[in-house]
Amino acid sequence: MDGGSLFGKLWPHSTGVSEICCVTRSRVRSSARGLRTNASLSGFTDDLGAGFAAAAEQNKVAFAITTLQRTWQVKLTLGMNLVQTLPFKKFLFVAVVIFDGDEDLYNWIGERFAYAVDCKHLRVFRSAEPLKYFHASVCKNTAHVAAATCVDNPQRLTVVNLDADNIVTEQFVRDLIIRASQTTQPPSTPVTLPTSTKKRLDWTGTVRYRSACQGTTGRIATNMGLFLAIRGKRPG
């Protein structure tokens, strides 16, 4: 999806971005060995009933990480977040948007996580011009659009902004995938999942996580169609 047309639908508080290639083929195989995980799809799709996997693949989740002068935090958390999310790469991806032009971070990602970049689970962007200061509306609107350019139909994408110091849990990842799989176009009424899940999830396009998922309190998941309808995050 072309980002230019999406930027035009937001409040005039965003900046251009471009995706960058930060890996070499020789690094892909070696980096895969460093991303071992205990998280598993085992039983996940089976328990949710017929058709869940197809719906989840169609209605993907994107974790959008914004960084400006927070390279040290990204270096602490990105590996842990990839370990938790790679088993679910059919259903979600991670987008890192670098706003300060830090080439050290590009190189570090390319050296450590070439496999995740190569399989398009990790997407890396940089702003058209380095920013001197962090502006929440500018950076978060831009990150949403950057993530939306990675899919064919942004209306069915759910985007979650992560701060550079956030660490996601497997519980959080699974819950997001379940919610996003119920996305209609546009977001519609609350839905009831198959009885085998033994839980009801009200999903109308946005949810704010509180203390239920440790380490991700305050994260807001928003359907991109809804995000565009309200023209993104306003300043203030």
Protein backbone atom coordinates (compact mmCIF):
# COMPACT_ATOMS: atom_id res chain seq x y z
CA MET A 1 0.00 0.00 0.00
CA ASP A 2 1.32 3.45 -0.92
CA GLY A 3 2.00 5.57 2.15
CA GLY A 4 1.43 8.86 0.35
CA SER A 5 -2.30 8.32 -0.02
CA LEU A 6 -2.58 7.32 3.65
CA PHE A 7 -0.71 10.39 4.92
CA GLY A 8 -3.29 12.55 3.19
CA LYS A 9 -6.03 11.09 5.38
CA LEU A 10 -4.35 12.09 8.67
CA TRP A 11 -4.15 15.37 10.50
CA PRO A 12 -1.19 17.38 9.15
CA HIS A 13 1.02 15.96 11.86
CA SER A 14 3.19 13.23 10.37
CA THR A 15 6.36 12.93 8.34
CA GLY A 16 7.46 10.87 5.38
CA VAL A 17 9.26 7.55 5.85
CA SER A 18 11.07 5.03 3.72
CA GLU A 19 11.78 1.36 4.36
CA ILE A 20 15.45 0.46 4.46
CA CYS A 21 17.33 -2.76 3.77
CA CYS A 22 19.80 -3.35 6.57
CA VAL A 23 20.77 -7.00 6.03
CA THR A 24 23.07 -9.10 3.89
CA ARG A 25 22.24 -12.65 2.85
CA SER A 26 25.21 -14.07 4.72
CA ARG A 27 23.76 -12.90 8.01
CA VAL A 28 20.30 -14.40 7.59
CA ARG A 29 21.12 -18.00 8.53
CA SER A 30 23.32 -17.16 11.50
CA SER A 31 20.82 -14.71 13.00
CA ALA A 32 18.01 -17.29 12.85
CA ARG A 33 19.85 -19.41 15.42
CA GLY A 34 19.78 -16.54 17.89
CA LEU A 35 16.00 -16.20 17.86
CA ARG A 36 15.03 -19.39 19.65
CA THR A 37 11.76 -19.21 21.58
CA ASN A 38 9.50 -21.20 23.87
CA ALA A 39 6.38 -19.50 22.50
CA SER A 40 4.39 -21.84 20.30
CA LEU A 41 1.38 -22.05 17.99
CA SER A 42 0.71 -25.53 19.34
CA GLY A 43 -3.00 -25.81 20.08
CA PHE A 44 -3.57 -22.09 19.53
CA THR A 45 -5.37 -22.21 16.18
CA ASP A 46 -7.08 -25.53 16.92
CA ASP A 47 -8.71 -24.25 20.10
CA LEU A 48 -10.23 -21.25 18.34
CA GLY A 49 -12.33 -23.14 15.86
CA ALA A 50 -12.50 -23.56 12.10
CA GLY A 51 -11.64 -20.54 10.04
CA PHE A 52 -9.71 -18.73 12.75
CA ALA A 53 -6.29 -19.06 11.15
CA ALA A 54 -7.54 -17.75 7.80
CA ALA A 55 -9.26 -14.80 9.48
CA ALA A 56 -6.18 -14.01 11.56
CA GLU A 57 -3.94 -14.04 8.49
CA GLN A 58 -6.30 -11.63 6.74
CA ASN A 59 -6.58 -9.31 9.74
CA LYS A 60 -2.99 -8.85 10.82
CA VAL A 61 -1.49 -7.12 13.84
CA ALA A 62 1.45 -4.72 13.62
CA PHE A 63 3.60 -3.64 16.55
CA ALA A 64 4.92 -0.17 15.67
CA ILE A 65 8.00 0.92 17.64
CA THR A 66 9.06 4.56 17.47
CA THR A 67 12.57 5.56 18.46
CA LEU A 68 14.30 8.91 18.72
CA GLN A 69 17.43 9.00 20.88
CA ARG A 70 16.31 5.74 22.52
CA THR A 71 18.64 3.34 20.72
CA TRP A 72 19.83 1.87 24.01
CA GLN A 73 16.28 0.88 24.94
CA VAL A 74 15.58 -0.70 21.54
CA LYS A 75 18.75 -2.74 21.93
CA LEU A 76 17.47 -4.04 25.28
CA THR A 77 13.94 -4.94 24.17
CA LEU A 78 13.80 -5.69 20.43
CA GLY A 79 15.31 -9.16 20.69
CA MET A 80 12.90 -10.16 23.45
CA ASN A 81 9.93 -8.87 21.47
CA LEU A 82 10.99 -10.77 18.36
CA VAL A 83 11.40 -13.97 20.38
CA GLN A 84 7.80 -13.63 21.61
CA THR A 85 6.31 -12.75 18.23
CA LEU A 86 8.19 -14.81 15.62
CA PRO A 87 6.13 -17.99 16.18
CA PHE A 88 3.08 -15.93 15.20
CA LYS A 89 4.61 -14.33 12.12
CA LYS A 90 1.72 -15.44 9.90
CA PHE A 91 -0.53 -13.18 11.94
CA LEU A 92 1.62 -10.18 12.87
CA PHE A 93 4.81 -8.24 12.24
CA VAL A 94 6.99 -5.64 13.95
CA ALA A 95 7.77 -2.25 12.41
CA VAL A 96 10.58 -0.09 13.80
CA VAL A 97 10.58 3.57 12.76
CA ILE A 98 13.84 5.42 13.43
CA PHE A 99 13.38 9.19 13.65
CA ASP A 100 16.91 10.34 14.47
CA GLY A 101 18.83 8.78 11.56
CA ASP A 102 20.90 6.61 13.92
CA GLU A 103 23.01 4.48 11.56
CA ASP A 104 24.38 2.49 14.49
CA LEU A 105 20.86 1.17 15.08
CA TYR A 106 20.39 0.25 11.39
CA ASN A 107 23.64 -1.70 11.46
CA TRP A 108 22.90 -3.36 14.79
CA ILE A 109 19.49 -4.58 13.57
CA GLY A 110 21.06 -5.87 10.37
CA GLU A 111 23.71 -7.81 12.27
CA ARG A 112 21.47 -9.27 14.97
CA PHE A 113 18.10 -9.81 13.30
CA ALA A 114 18.77 -10.40 9.60
CA TYR A 115 16.52 -13.47 9.62
CA ALA A 116 13.54 -11.54 10.98
CA VAL A 117 14.06 -8.78 8.39
CA ASP A 118 14.51 -11.27 5.55
CA CYS A 119 11.24 -13.07 6.29
CA LYS A 120 9.49 -9.69 6.62
CA HIS A 121 8.52 -10.22 10.23
CA LEU A 122 10.64 -7.18 11.12
CA ARG A 123 10.27 -4.07 8.96
CA VAL A 124 12.65 -1.13 9.45
CA PHE A 125 11.87 2.45 8.42
CA ARG A 126 13.54 5.83 8.79
CA SER A 127 11.99 9.27 8.62
CA ALA A 128 12.59 11.37 5.54
CA GLU A 129 14.36 13.94 7.70
CA PRO A 130 15.84 13.30 11.17
CA LEU A 131 13.76 14.89 13.92
CA LYS A 132 15.39 16.92 16.65
CA TYR A 133 12.60 16.43 19.19
CA PHE A 134 10.01 13.72 19.74
CA HIS A 135 6.45 14.75 18.89
CA ALA A 136 3.94 12.09 19.93
CA SER A 137 1.36 12.87 17.27
CA VAL A 138 3.93 13.15 14.46
CA CYS A 139 5.82 9.99 15.37
CA LYS A 140 2.83 7.81 16.18
CA ASN A 141 0.85 8.86 13.11
CA THR A 142 3.93 8.18 10.99
CA ALA A 143 4.48 4.77 12.59
CA HIS A 144 0.89 3.75 11.89
CA VAL A 145 1.25 4.69 8.24
CA ALA A 146 4.61 2.94 7.94
CA ALA A 147 3.02 -0.26 9.25
CA ALA A 148 0.05 0.13 6.92
CA THR A 149 2.31 0.24 3.87
CA CYS A 150 3.33 -3.35 4.66
CA VAL A 151 -0.11 -4.83 3.93
CA ASP A 152 -2.43 -4.87 0.94
CA ASN A 153 -5.52 -3.80 2.87
CA PRO A 154 -4.80 -1.37 5.75
CA GLN A 155 -8.50 -1.34 6.69
CA ARG A 156 -8.02 -4.83 8.13
CA LEU A 157 -4.78 -4.09 10.01
CA THR A 158 -4.63 -3.58 13.78
CA VAL A 159 -1.72 -1.39 14.90
CA VAL A 160 -0.28 -1.20 18.42
CA ASN A 161 2.29 1.46 19.23
CA LEU A 162 5.04 0.17 21.50
CA ASP A 163 7.41 2.45 23.36
CA ALA A 164 11.07 1.57 22.95
CA ASP A 165 11.17 0.12 26.48
CA ASN A 166 8.04 -2.07 26.19
CA ILE A 167 8.35 -5.84 26.28
CA VAL A 168 5.40 -7.87 25.01
CA THR A 169 4.28 -11.14 26.53
CA GLU A 170 2.98 -14.23 24.77
CA GLN A 171 -0.37 -13.67 26.52
CA PHE A 172 -0.57 -10.16 25.11
CA VAL A 173 0.35 -11.33 21.60
CA ARG A 174 -2.24 -14.11 21.59
CA ASP A 175 -4.99 -11.81 22.89
CA LEU A 176 -4.29 -9.25 20.18
CA ILE A 177 -4.36 -11.85 17.42
CA ILE A 178 -7.72 -13.15 18.67
CA ARG A 179 -9.23 -9.68 18.77
CA ALA A 180 -7.86 -8.63 15.40
CA SER A 181 -9.11 -11.82 13.75
CA GLN A 182 -12.65 -10.60 14.39
CA THR A 183 -12.15 -7.36 12.46
CA THR A 184 -14.88 -6.53 10.00
CA GLN A 185 -14.65 -3.80 7.41
CA PRO A 186 -15.38 -1.28 8.80
CA PRO A 187 -15.18 -2.25 12.52
CA SER A 188 -18.65 -3.26 13.56
CA THR A 189 -20.45 -4.85 16.51
CA PRO A 190 -18.96 -6.88 19.36
CA VAL A 191 -18.46 -10.52 18.45
CA THR A 192 -18.56 -13.82 20.30
CA LEU A 193 -15.79 -16.28 19.57
CA PRO A 194 -16.47 -20.03 19.27
CA THR A 195 -17.59 -21.54 22.57
CA SER A 196 -14.36 -23.56 22.76
CA THR A 197 -12.52 -20.37 23.75
CA LYS A 198 -14.75 -19.93 26.83
CA LYS A 199 -14.33 -16.17 26.67
CA ARG A 200 -16.06 -13.20 25.12
CA LEU A 201 -14.07 -10.40 23.54
CA ASP A 202 -15.79 -7.14 22.71
CA TRP A 203 -13.91 -5.75 19.72
CA THR A 204 -15.17 -2.62 18.02
CA GLY A 205 -11.85 -1.54 16.56
CA THR A 206 -9.91 -0.27 19.56
CA VAL A 207 -8.90 -1.50 23.01
CA ARG A 208 -6.69 -0.12 25.76
CA TYR A 209 -4.74 -2.65 27.77
CA ARG A 210 -4.44 -2.02 31.48
CA SER A 211 -2.90 -4.36 34.05
CA ALA A 212 -4.12 -7.62 32.50
CA CYS A 213 -0.97 -8.12 30.44
CA GLN A 214 2.14 -7.40 32.48
CA GLY A 215 4.59 -5.00 30.83
CA THR A 216 2.12 -3.65 28.29
CA THR A 217 -0.15 -1.53 30.48
CA GLY A 218 -1.43 1.50 28.59
CA ARG A 219 -0.93 0.05 25.11
CA ILE A 220 -3.72 0.92 22.69
CA ALA A 221 -4.62 -1.39 19.81
CA THR A 222 -6.47 0.36 16.98
CA ASN A 223 -7.86 -0.87 13.71
CA MET A 224 -6.21 1.14 10.93
CA GLY A 225 -9.53 1.81 9.22
CA LEU A 226 -10.80 3.43 12.41
CA PHE A 227 -7.50 5.28 12.89
CA LEU A 228 -7.81 6.81 9.41
CA ALA A 229 -11.48 7.63 9.98
CA ILE A 230 -10.59 9.79 13.00
CA ARG A 231 -7.60 11.16 11.07
CA GLY A 232 -5.03 9.79 13.48
CA LYS A 233 -3.67 11.19 16.71
CA ARG A 234 -4.13 14.91 17.22
CA PRO A 235 -1.49 17.00 18.98
CA GLY A 236 -2.01 17.69 22.64
